[in-house]
Amino acid sequence: MRNFMIFGASKGLGEAFVKVLPEAGDHVWIVSRSHAETLLLNDGVNRYWIKADLASAEAGNEITVAFKDTALDVLIYNVGIWESNGFRENYDFEQDDPAEIANILNVNVVSAITCIQKLLPNLKKSDNAKIILIGSTAGLENNHFTQVAFTASKFGLRGIGNSLREHVKKYGIGVTIINPGEIATQVPYEDGVEKVWSAYQGTQIPLSDIVSLVKCVIHLSRASCVKEINIPAMLDENALKHQRL
């Protein structure tokens, strides 16, 4: 039996994690602002909702109060907000609102630090705890992204992972950062890989590919630690650029 805590789990990739990663008898705490439909699933997995706004400085305290002193085996920080016009042709960094920039860094970086800090006592109680941080190819060197705040936050997440790994390795806790390219979150996990390939021809990644990676990592023994996984879409132009450099 495992205890999971999944941040950003009400839709998209987080929803897929909640559906697929746990097995019957496992317990999953879903951290999100909105109610998750997966709470209604009847598959032998025990699911609970912790309502939290990660933009709030009190989010970490609220989560730990709700979680109490339960041992935590798997923590997945799957959070990433970006600029209002980010990833659009008309995006212009010079038009970004400073308040929005601060909020992106707060949710994507500061909240990751403070929430994980609060949950370390719970992770230490596990015999084989894993921390998974979902980054982005935007956080890798030599990318073509112009969304400055989002990109900075994903570079920052890698920094968090590197330093956190050094801090927790004495407790046998593994820290893995996964940096995916564009994920086809608009195609439900159940629809399968072929539908994603048919629609996007290798420019977007099926949810199941990321789920499979995480499943592999959490089933490794405490003797191993996968530090970082970069997984761009096969035919993403940014991915091709990485391959040439």
C-alpha atoms as a PDB file:
ATOM      1  CA  MET A   1       0.000   0.000   0.000  1.00  0.00           C
ATOM      2  CA  ARG A   2       1.286   3.467  -0.918  1.00  0.00           C
ATOM      3  CA  ASN A   3       0.260   6.956   0.101  1.00  0.00           C
ATOM      4  CA  PHE A   4       0.361   9.536  -2.698  1.00  0.00           C
ATOM      5  CA  MET A   5       0.017  13.303  -2.668  1.00  0.00           C
ATOM      6  CA  ILE A   6      -0.492  14.842  -6.102  1.00  0.00           C
ATOM      7  CA  PHE A   7      -0.496  18.610  -6.621  1.00  0.00           C
ATOM      8  CA  GLY A   8      -2.408  20.041  -9.573  1.00  0.00           C
ATOM      9  CA  ALA A   9      -4.456  16.880  -9.867  1.00  0.00           C
ATOM     10  CA  SER A  10      -7.919  18.065 -10.882  1.00  0.00           C
ATOM     11  CA  LYS A  11      -7.348  17.847 -14.652  1.00  0.00           C
ATOM     12  CA  GLY A  12      -4.871  17.032 -17.420  1.00  0.00           C
ATOM     13  CA  LEU A  13      -1.676  15.242 -16.452  1.00  0.00           C
ATOM     14  CA  GLY A  14      -2.447  15.397 -12.743  1.00  0.00           C
ATOM     15  CA  GLU A  15      -5.815  13.748 -13.309  1.00  0.00           C
ATOM     16  CA  ALA A  16      -4.090  10.972 -15.268  1.00  0.00           C
ATOM     17  CA  PHE A  17      -1.677  10.427 -12.366  1.00  0.00           C
ATOM     18  CA  VAL A  18      -4.597  10.105  -9.952  1.00  0.00           C
ATOM     19  CA  LYS A  19      -6.381   7.600 -12.198  1.00  0.00           C
ATOM     20  CA  VAL A  20      -3.473   5.357 -13.153  1.00  0.00           C
ATOM     21  CA  LEU A  21      -0.612   5.450 -10.641  1.00  0.00           C
ATOM     22  CA  PRO A  22      -2.317   4.113  -7.494  1.00  0.00           C
ATOM     23  CA  GLU A  23      -3.463   0.532  -7.078  1.00  0.00           C
ATOM     24  CA  ALA A  24      -6.399  -0.860  -5.102  1.00  0.00           C
ATOM     25  CA  GLY A  25      -5.839  -0.188  -1.411  1.00  0.00           C
ATOM     26  CA  ASP A  26      -3.598   2.839  -1.988  1.00  0.00           C
ATOM     27  CA  HIS A  27      -4.439   6.290  -0.625  1.00  0.00           C
ATOM     28  CA  VAL A  28      -4.242   9.448  -2.765  1.00  0.00           C
ATOM     29  CA  TRP A  29      -4.515  13.028  -1.550  1.00  0.00           C
ATOM     30  CA  ILE A  30      -5.460  15.419  -4.369  1.00  0.00           C
ATOM     31  CA  VAL A  31      -4.263  19.005  -3.877  1.00  0.00           C
ATOM     32  CA  SER A  32      -6.134  21.502  -6.058  1.00  0.00           C
ATOM     33  CA  ARG A  33      -8.323  24.581  -5.968  1.00  0.00           C
ATOM     34  CA  SER A  34     -11.255  22.865  -7.665  1.00  0.00           C
ATOM     35  CA  HIS A  35     -13.063  19.602  -6.947  1.00  0.00           C
ATOM     36  CA  ALA A  36     -11.658  16.666  -8.926  1.00  0.00           C
ATOM     37  CA  GLU A  37     -13.971  14.262 -10.763  1.00  0.00           C
ATOM     38  CA  THR A  38     -11.582  11.408  -9.938  1.00  0.00           C
ATOM     39  CA  LEU A  39     -12.817  11.587  -6.337  1.00  0.00           C
ATOM     40  CA  LEU A  40     -15.941   9.791  -7.605  1.00  0.00           C
ATOM     41  CA  LEU A  41     -14.073   6.792  -9.039  1.00  0.00           C
ATOM     42  CA  ASN A  42     -14.914   3.421  -7.509  1.00  0.00           C
ATOM     43  CA  ASP A  43     -11.809   1.328  -8.188  1.00  0.00           C
ATOM     44  CA  GLY A  44     -10.595   0.359  -4.732  1.00  0.00           C
ATOM     45  CA  VAL A  45      -8.329   3.403  -4.404  1.00  0.00           C
ATOM     46  CA  ASN A  46      -8.979   5.743  -1.472  1.00  0.00           C
ATOM     47  CA  ARG A  47      -8.975   9.356  -2.688  1.00  0.00           C
ATOM     48  CA  TYR A  48      -9.211  12.543  -0.645  1.00  0.00           C
ATOM     49  CA  TRP A  49      -9.321  16.208  -1.587  1.00  0.00           C
ATOM     50  CA  ILE A  50      -7.239  18.938   0.022  1.00  0.00           C
ATOM     51  CA  LYS A  51      -8.550  22.255  -1.233  1.00  0.00           C
ATOM     52  CA  ALA A  52      -5.646  24.672  -1.441  1.00  0.00           C
ATOM     53  CA  ASP A  53      -4.673  27.806  -3.330  1.00  0.00           C
ATOM     54  CA  LEU A  54      -0.946  27.490  -3.974  1.00  0.00           C
ATOM     55  CA  ALA A  55      -0.694  31.238  -4.475  1.00  0.00           C
ATOM     56  CA  SER A  56      -1.370  31.632  -0.752  1.00  0.00           C
ATOM     57  CA  ALA A  57       1.496  31.717   1.737  1.00  0.00           C
ATOM     58  CA  GLU A  58      -0.627  29.543   4.024  1.00  0.00           C
ATOM     59  CA  ALA A  59      -1.055  26.703   1.515  1.00  0.00           C
ATOM     60  CA  GLY A  60       1.745  24.590   3.006  1.00  0.00           C
ATOM     61  CA  ASN A  61       0.318  24.883   6.514  1.00  0.00           C
ATOM     62  CA  GLU A  62      -3.213  24.083   5.321  1.00  0.00           C
ATOM     63  CA  ILE A  63      -1.994  20.965   3.500  1.00  0.00           C
ATOM     64  CA  THR A  64       0.009  19.620   6.439  1.00  0.00           C
ATOM     65  CA  VAL A  65      -2.882  20.196   8.833  1.00  0.00           C
ATOM     66  CA  ALA A  66      -5.184  18.206   6.543  1.00  0.00           C
ATOM     67  CA  PHE A  67      -2.598  15.461   5.992  1.00  0.00           C
ATOM     68  CA  LYS A  68      -1.636  15.271   9.683  1.00  0.00           C
ATOM     69  CA  ASP A  69       1.177  12.840  10.552  1.00  0.00           C
ATOM     70  CA  THR A  70       0.503  10.300   7.786  1.00  0.00           C
ATOM     71  CA  ALA A  71       3.522   8.706   6.113  1.00  0.00           C
ATOM     72  CA  LEU A  72       3.959   9.916   2.528  1.00  0.00           C
ATOM     73  CA  ASP A  73       5.455   7.604  -0.106  1.00  0.00           C
ATOM     74  CA  VAL A  74       5.056   9.621  -3.312  1.00  0.00           C
ATOM     75  CA  LEU A  75       4.819  13.402  -3.677  1.00  0.00           C
ATOM     76  CA  ILE A  76       4.224  14.743  -7.188  1.00  0.00           C
ATOM     77  CA  TYR A  77       4.426  18.507  -7.717  1.00  0.00           C
ATOM     78  CA  ASN A  78       2.621  18.886 -11.034  1.00  0.00           C
ATOM     79  CA  VAL A  79       2.062  22.634 -11.089  1.00  0.00           C
ATOM     80  CA  GLY A  80       2.817  25.122 -13.828  1.00  0.00           C
ATOM     81  CA  ILE A  81       0.942  28.309 -14.593  1.00  0.00           C
ATOM     82  CA  TRP A  82       2.109  30.674 -17.322  1.00  0.00           C
ATOM     83  CA  GLU A  83       1.520  34.112 -18.766  1.00  0.00           C
ATOM     84  CA  SER A  84      -2.005  35.023 -19.927  1.00  0.00           C
ATOM     85  CA  ASN A  85      -0.913  35.213 -23.571  1.00  0.00           C
ATOM     86  CA  GLY A  86       1.914  32.741 -23.255  1.00  0.00           C
ATOM     87  CA  PHE A  87       2.478  30.252 -26.085  1.00  0.00           C
ATOM     88  CA  ARG A  88       0.473  32.425 -28.501  1.00  0.00           C
ATOM     89  CA  GLU A  89       1.723  34.183 -31.619  1.00  0.00           C
ATOM     90  CA  ASN A  90       0.901  37.605 -30.191  1.00  0.00           C
ATOM     91  CA  TYR A  91       2.749  37.034 -26.890  1.00  0.00           C
ATOM     92  CA  ASP A  92       5.014  39.929 -25.908  1.00  0.00           C
ATOM     93  CA  PHE A  93       7.099  39.767 -22.724  1.00  0.00           C
ATOM     94  CA  GLU A  94       7.168  43.574 -22.564  1.00  0.00           C
ATOM     95  CA  GLN A  95       3.413  43.571 -21.992  1.00  0.00           C
ATOM     96  CA  ASP A  96       3.500  41.187 -19.000  1.00  0.00           C
ATOM     97  CA  ASP A  97       1.863  42.464 -15.833  1.00  0.00           C
ATOM     98  CA  PRO A  98       4.397  42.551 -12.936  1.00  0.00           C
ATOM     99  CA  ALA A  99       1.741  41.134 -10.610  1.00  0.00           C
ATOM    100  CA  GLU A 100       1.240  38.188 -12.959  1.00  0.00           C
ATOM    101  CA  ILE A 101       5.007  37.620 -13.136  1.00  0.00           C
ATOM    102  CA  ALA A 102       5.187  37.502  -9.345  1.00  0.00           C
ATOM    103  CA  ASN A 103       2.261  35.088  -9.163  1.00  0.00           C
ATOM    104  CA  ILE A 104       3.840  32.701 -11.688  1.00  0.00           C
ATOM    105  CA  LEU A 105       7.058  32.558  -9.693  1.00  0.00           C
ATOM    106  CA  ASN A 106       5.139  32.230  -6.439  1.00  0.00           C
ATOM    107  CA  VAL A 107       3.004  29.277  -7.569  1.00  0.00           C
ATOM    108  CA  ASN A 108       5.603  27.470  -9.670  1.00  0.00           C
ATOM    109  CA  VAL A 109       8.640  27.997  -7.435  1.00  0.00           C
ATOM    110  CA  VAL A 110       7.987  29.394  -3.961  1.00  0.00           C
ATOM    111  CA  SER A 111       5.016  27.130  -3.291  1.00  0.00           C
ATOM    112  CA  ALA A 112       7.013  24.085  -4.393  1.00  0.00           C
ATOM    113  CA  ILE A 113       9.703  24.922  -1.845  1.00  0.00           C
ATOM    114  CA  THR A 114       7.416  25.704   1.062  1.00  0.00           C
ATOM    115  CA  CYS A 115       4.967  22.830   0.547  1.00  0.00           C
ATOM    116  CA  ILE A 116       7.717  20.230   0.189  1.00  0.00           C
ATOM    117  CA  GLN A 117       9.476  21.668   3.222  1.00  0.00           C
ATOM    118  CA  LYS A 118       6.318  21.201   5.293  1.00  0.00           C
ATOM    119  CA  LEU A 119       5.853  17.609   4.057  1.00  0.00           C
ATOM    120  CA  LEU A 120       9.407  16.364   4.630  1.00  0.00           C
ATOM    121  CA  PRO A 121       8.537  14.930   8.079  1.00  0.00           C
ATOM    122  CA  ASN A 122       5.855  12.811   6.371  1.00  0.00           C
ATOM    123  CA  LEU A 123       8.215  11.690   3.613  1.00  0.00           C
ATOM    124  CA  LYS A 124      10.818  10.642   6.179  1.00  0.00           C
ATOM    125  CA  LYS A 125       8.303   8.171   7.614  1.00  0.00           C
ATOM    126  CA  SER A 126       8.220   6.203   4.340  1.00  0.00           C
ATOM    127  CA  ASP A 127      10.528   3.261   3.672  1.00  0.00           C
ATOM    128  CA  ASN A 128      11.046   4.377   0.051  1.00  0.00           C
ATOM    129  CA  ALA A 129       9.820   7.927  -0.529  1.00  0.00           C
ATOM    130  CA  LYS A 130       9.921   9.603  -3.929  1.00  0.00           C
ATOM    131  CA  ILE A 131       9.533  13.255  -4.867  1.00  0.00           C
ATOM    132  CA  ILE A 132       8.633  13.918  -8.511  1.00  0.00           C
ATOM    133  CA  LEU A 133       8.810  17.467  -9.887  1.00  0.00           C
ATOM    134  CA  ILE A 134       7.140  18.076 -13.245  1.00  0.00           C
ATOM    135  CA  GLY A 135       9.210  20.665 -15.084  1.00  0.00           C
ATOM    136  CA  SER A 136       9.309  21.556 -18.767  1.00  0.00           C
ATOM    137  CA  THR A 137      11.654  21.695 -21.729  1.00  0.00           C
ATOM    138  CA  ALA A 138      11.254  25.453 -21.248  1.00  0.00           C
ATOM    139  CA  GLY A 139      13.545  25.018 -18.247  1.00  0.00           C
ATOM    140  CA  LEU A 140      16.378  23.533 -20.310  1.00  0.00           C
ATOM    141  CA  GLU A 141      19.319  25.339 -21.885  1.00  0.00           C
ATOM    142  CA  ASN A 142      19.146  26.524 -25.492  1.00  0.00           C
ATOM    143  CA  ASN A 143      15.377  26.658 -25.770  1.00  0.00           C
ATOM    144  CA  HIS A 144      13.375  29.071 -27.916  1.00  0.00           C
ATOM    145  CA  PHE A 145      10.742  30.058 -25.354  1.00  0.00           C
ATOM    146  CA  THR A 146      10.135  33.788 -24.849  1.00  0.00           C
ATOM    147  CA  GLN A 147       7.834  33.499 -21.822  1.00  0.00           C
ATOM    148  CA  VAL A 148      10.387  34.875 -19.360  1.00  0.00           C
ATOM    149  CA  ALA A 149       8.578  34.268 -16.070  1.00  0.00           C
ATOM    150  CA  PHE A 150       7.407  30.754 -16.950  1.00  0.00           C
ATOM    151  CA  THR A 151      10.823  29.800 -18.278  1.00  0.00           C
ATOM    152  CA  ALA A 152      12.538  31.206 -15.191  1.00  0.00           C
ATOM    153  CA  SER A 153      10.182  29.233 -12.964  1.00  0.00           C
ATOM    154  CA  LYS A 154      10.976  25.945 -14.705  1.00  0.00           C
ATOM    155  CA  PHE A 155      14.718  26.617 -14.525  1.00  0.00           C
ATOM    156  CA  GLY A 156      14.106  27.353 -10.847  1.00  0.00           C
ATOM    157  CA  LEU A 157      12.288  24.080 -10.332  1.00  0.00           C
ATOM    158  CA  ARG A 158      15.380  22.237 -11.558  1.00  0.00           C
ATOM    159  CA  GLY A 159      17.434  24.159  -9.011  1.00  0.00           C
ATOM    160  CA  ILE A 160      15.004  23.159  -6.287  1.00  0.00           C
ATOM    161  CA  GLY A 161      15.313  19.527  -7.288  1.00  0.00           C
ATOM    162  CA  ASN A 162      19.106  19.575  -7.355  1.00  0.00           C
ATOM    163  CA  SER A 163      19.488  21.120  -3.900  1.00  0.00           C
ATOM    164  CA  LEU A 164      16.599  19.194  -2.370  1.00  0.00           C
ATOM    165  CA  ARG A 165      18.117  15.927  -3.597  1.00  0.00           C
ATOM    166  CA  GLU A 166      21.317  16.690  -1.721  1.00  0.00           C
ATOM    167  CA  HIS A 167      19.382  17.485   1.441  1.00  0.00           C
ATOM    168  CA  VAL A 168      17.190  14.377   1.506  1.00  0.00           C
ATOM    169  CA  LYS A 169      19.502  11.669   0.187  1.00  0.00           C
ATOM    170  CA  LYS A 170      20.645  10.894   3.734  1.00  0.00           C
ATOM    171  CA  TYR A 171      17.044   9.873   4.404  1.00  0.00           C
ATOM    172  CA  GLY A 172      16.888   7.631   1.333  1.00  0.00           C
ATOM    173  CA  ILE A 173      14.390   9.927  -0.413  1.00  0.00           C
ATOM    174  CA  GLY A 174      14.692  10.111  -4.213  1.00  0.00           C
ATOM    175  CA  VAL A 175      14.103  13.368  -6.096  1.00  0.00           C
ATOM    176  CA  THR A 176      13.389  13.244  -9.832  1.00  0.00           C
ATOM    177  CA  ILE A 177      12.687  16.121 -12.216  1.00  0.00           C
ATOM    178  CA  ILE A 178      10.802  15.302 -15.417  1.00  0.00           C
ATOM    179  CA  ASN A 179      10.984  17.913 -18.183  1.00  0.00           C
ATOM    180  CA  PRO A 180       8.384  17.165 -20.874  1.00  0.00           C
ATOM    181  CA  GLY A 181       7.702  19.028 -24.064  1.00  0.00           C
ATOM    182  CA  GLU A 182       4.137  19.857 -25.055  1.00  0.00           C
ATOM    183  CA  ILE A 183       1.711  17.290 -23.656  1.00  0.00           C
ATOM    184  CA  ALA A 184      -1.603  16.473 -25.329  1.00  0.00           C
ATOM    185  CA  THR A 185      -3.645  17.160 -22.195  1.00  0.00           C
ATOM    186  CA  GLN A 186      -6.711  17.788 -24.359  1.00  0.00           C
ATOM    187  CA  VAL A 187      -6.806  14.075 -25.262  1.00  0.00           C
ATOM    188  CA  PRO A 188      -7.992  11.970 -22.293  1.00  0.00           C
ATOM    189  CA  TYR A 189      -5.685   9.215 -21.054  1.00  0.00           C
ATOM    190  CA  GLU A 190      -8.297   6.600 -21.939  1.00  0.00           C
ATOM    191  CA  ASP A 191      -8.309   7.615 -25.620  1.00  0.00           C
ATOM    192  CA  GLY A 192      -4.866   6.112 -26.083  1.00  0.00           C
ATOM    193  CA  VAL A 193      -1.602   6.863 -27.840  1.00  0.00           C
ATOM    194  CA  GLU A 194      -2.810   6.364 -31.394  1.00  0.00           C
ATOM    195  CA  LYS A 195      -5.365   9.142 -31.141  1.00  0.00           C
ATOM    196  CA  VAL A 196      -2.653  11.565 -30.010  1.00  0.00           C
ATOM    197  CA  TRP A 197      -0.323  10.480 -32.801  1.00  0.00           C
ATOM    198  CA  SER A 198      -3.092  10.752 -35.392  1.00  0.00           C
ATOM    199  CA  ALA A 199      -3.985  14.264 -34.246  1.00  0.00           C
ATOM    200  CA  TYR A 200      -0.502  15.700 -33.671  1.00  0.00           C
ATOM    201  CA  GLN A 201       1.929  13.532 -35.649  1.00  0.00           C
ATOM    202  CA  GLY A 202       4.671  13.489 -33.040  1.00  0.00           C
ATOM    203  CA  THR A 203       4.508  17.151 -32.017  1.00  0.00           C
ATOM    204  CA  GLN A 204       2.740  16.445 -28.703  1.00  0.00           C
ATOM    205  CA  ILE A 205       3.249  13.767 -26.053  1.00  0.00           C
ATOM    206  CA  PRO A 206       0.489  11.375 -24.893  1.00  0.00           C
ATOM    207  CA  LEU A 207      -0.378  11.528 -21.207  1.00  0.00           C
ATOM    208  CA  SER A 208       0.388   7.824 -20.947  1.00  0.00           C
ATOM    209  CA  ASP A 209       4.072   8.379 -21.775  1.00  0.00           C
ATOM    210  CA  ILE A 210       4.588  10.677 -18.789  1.00  0.00           C
ATOM    211  CA  VAL A 211       2.537   8.392 -16.546  1.00  0.00           C
ATOM    212  CA  SER A 212       4.709   5.443 -17.590  1.00  0.00           C
ATOM    213  CA  LEU A 213       7.881   7.324 -16.685  1.00  0.00           C
ATOM    214  CA  VAL A 214       6.573   8.262 -13.250  1.00  0.00           C
ATOM    215  CA  LYS A 215       5.359   4.729 -12.630  1.00  0.00           C
ATOM    216  CA  CYS A 216       8.846   3.409 -13.399  1.00  0.00           C
ATOM    217  CA  VAL A 217      10.527   5.883 -11.041  1.00  0.00           C
ATOM    218  CA  ILE A 218       8.244   5.246  -8.073  1.00  0.00           C
ATOM    219  CA  HIS A 219       8.759   1.494  -8.338  1.00  0.00           C
ATOM    220  CA  LEU A 220      12.557   1.730  -8.135  1.00  0.00           C
ATOM    221  CA  SER A 221      14.231   0.679  -4.901  1.00  0.00           C
ATOM    222  CA  ARG A 222      15.695   3.254  -2.530  1.00  0.00           C
ATOM    223  CA  ALA A 223      19.145   2.220  -3.790  1.00  0.00           C
ATOM    224  CA  SER A 224      18.537   4.130  -7.040  1.00  0.00           C
ATOM    225  CA  CYS A 225      17.805   7.755  -7.842  1.00  0.00           C
ATOM    226  CA  VAL A 226      16.822   9.024 -11.277  1.00  0.00           C
ATOM    227  CA  LYS A 227      17.912  12.653 -11.184  1.00  0.00           C
ATOM    228  CA  GLU A 228      16.383  14.129 -14.322  1.00  0.00           C
ATOM    229  CA  ILE A 229      14.471  13.027 -17.405  1.00  0.00           C
ATOM    230  CA  ASN A 230      14.094  15.223 -20.494  1.00  0.00           C
ATOM    231  CA  ILE A 231      11.285  14.082 -22.786  1.00  0.00           C
ATOM    232  CA  PRO A 232      10.513  16.443 -25.664  1.00  0.00           C
ATOM    233  CA  ALA A 233       7.999  15.490 -28.313  1.00  0.00           C
ATOM    234  CA  MET A 234       9.726  13.615 -31.131  1.00  0.00           C
ATOM    235  CA  LEU A 235       8.988  16.211 -33.835  1.00  0.00           C
ATOM    236  CA  ASP A 236       8.886  19.332 -31.690  1.00  0.00           C
ATOM    237  CA  GLU A 237      11.116  21.989 -33.288  1.00  0.00           C
ATOM    238  CA  ASN A 238      12.590  22.799 -29.883  1.00  0.00           C
ATOM    239  CA  ALA A 239      13.329  19.095 -29.379  1.00  0.00           C
ATOM    240  CA  LEU A 240      15.212  18.975 -32.666  1.00  0.00           C
ATOM    241  CA  LYS A 241      17.225  21.983 -31.581  1.00  0.00           C
ATOM    242  CA  HIS A 242      18.257  20.182 -28.379  1.00  0.00           C
ATOM    243  CA  GLN A 243      19.302  17.152 -30.389  1.00  0.00           C
ATOM    244  CA  ARG A 244      21.605  19.241 -32.603  1.00  0.00           C
ATOM    245  CA  LEU A 245      23.362  21.086 -29.755  1.00  0.00           C
END
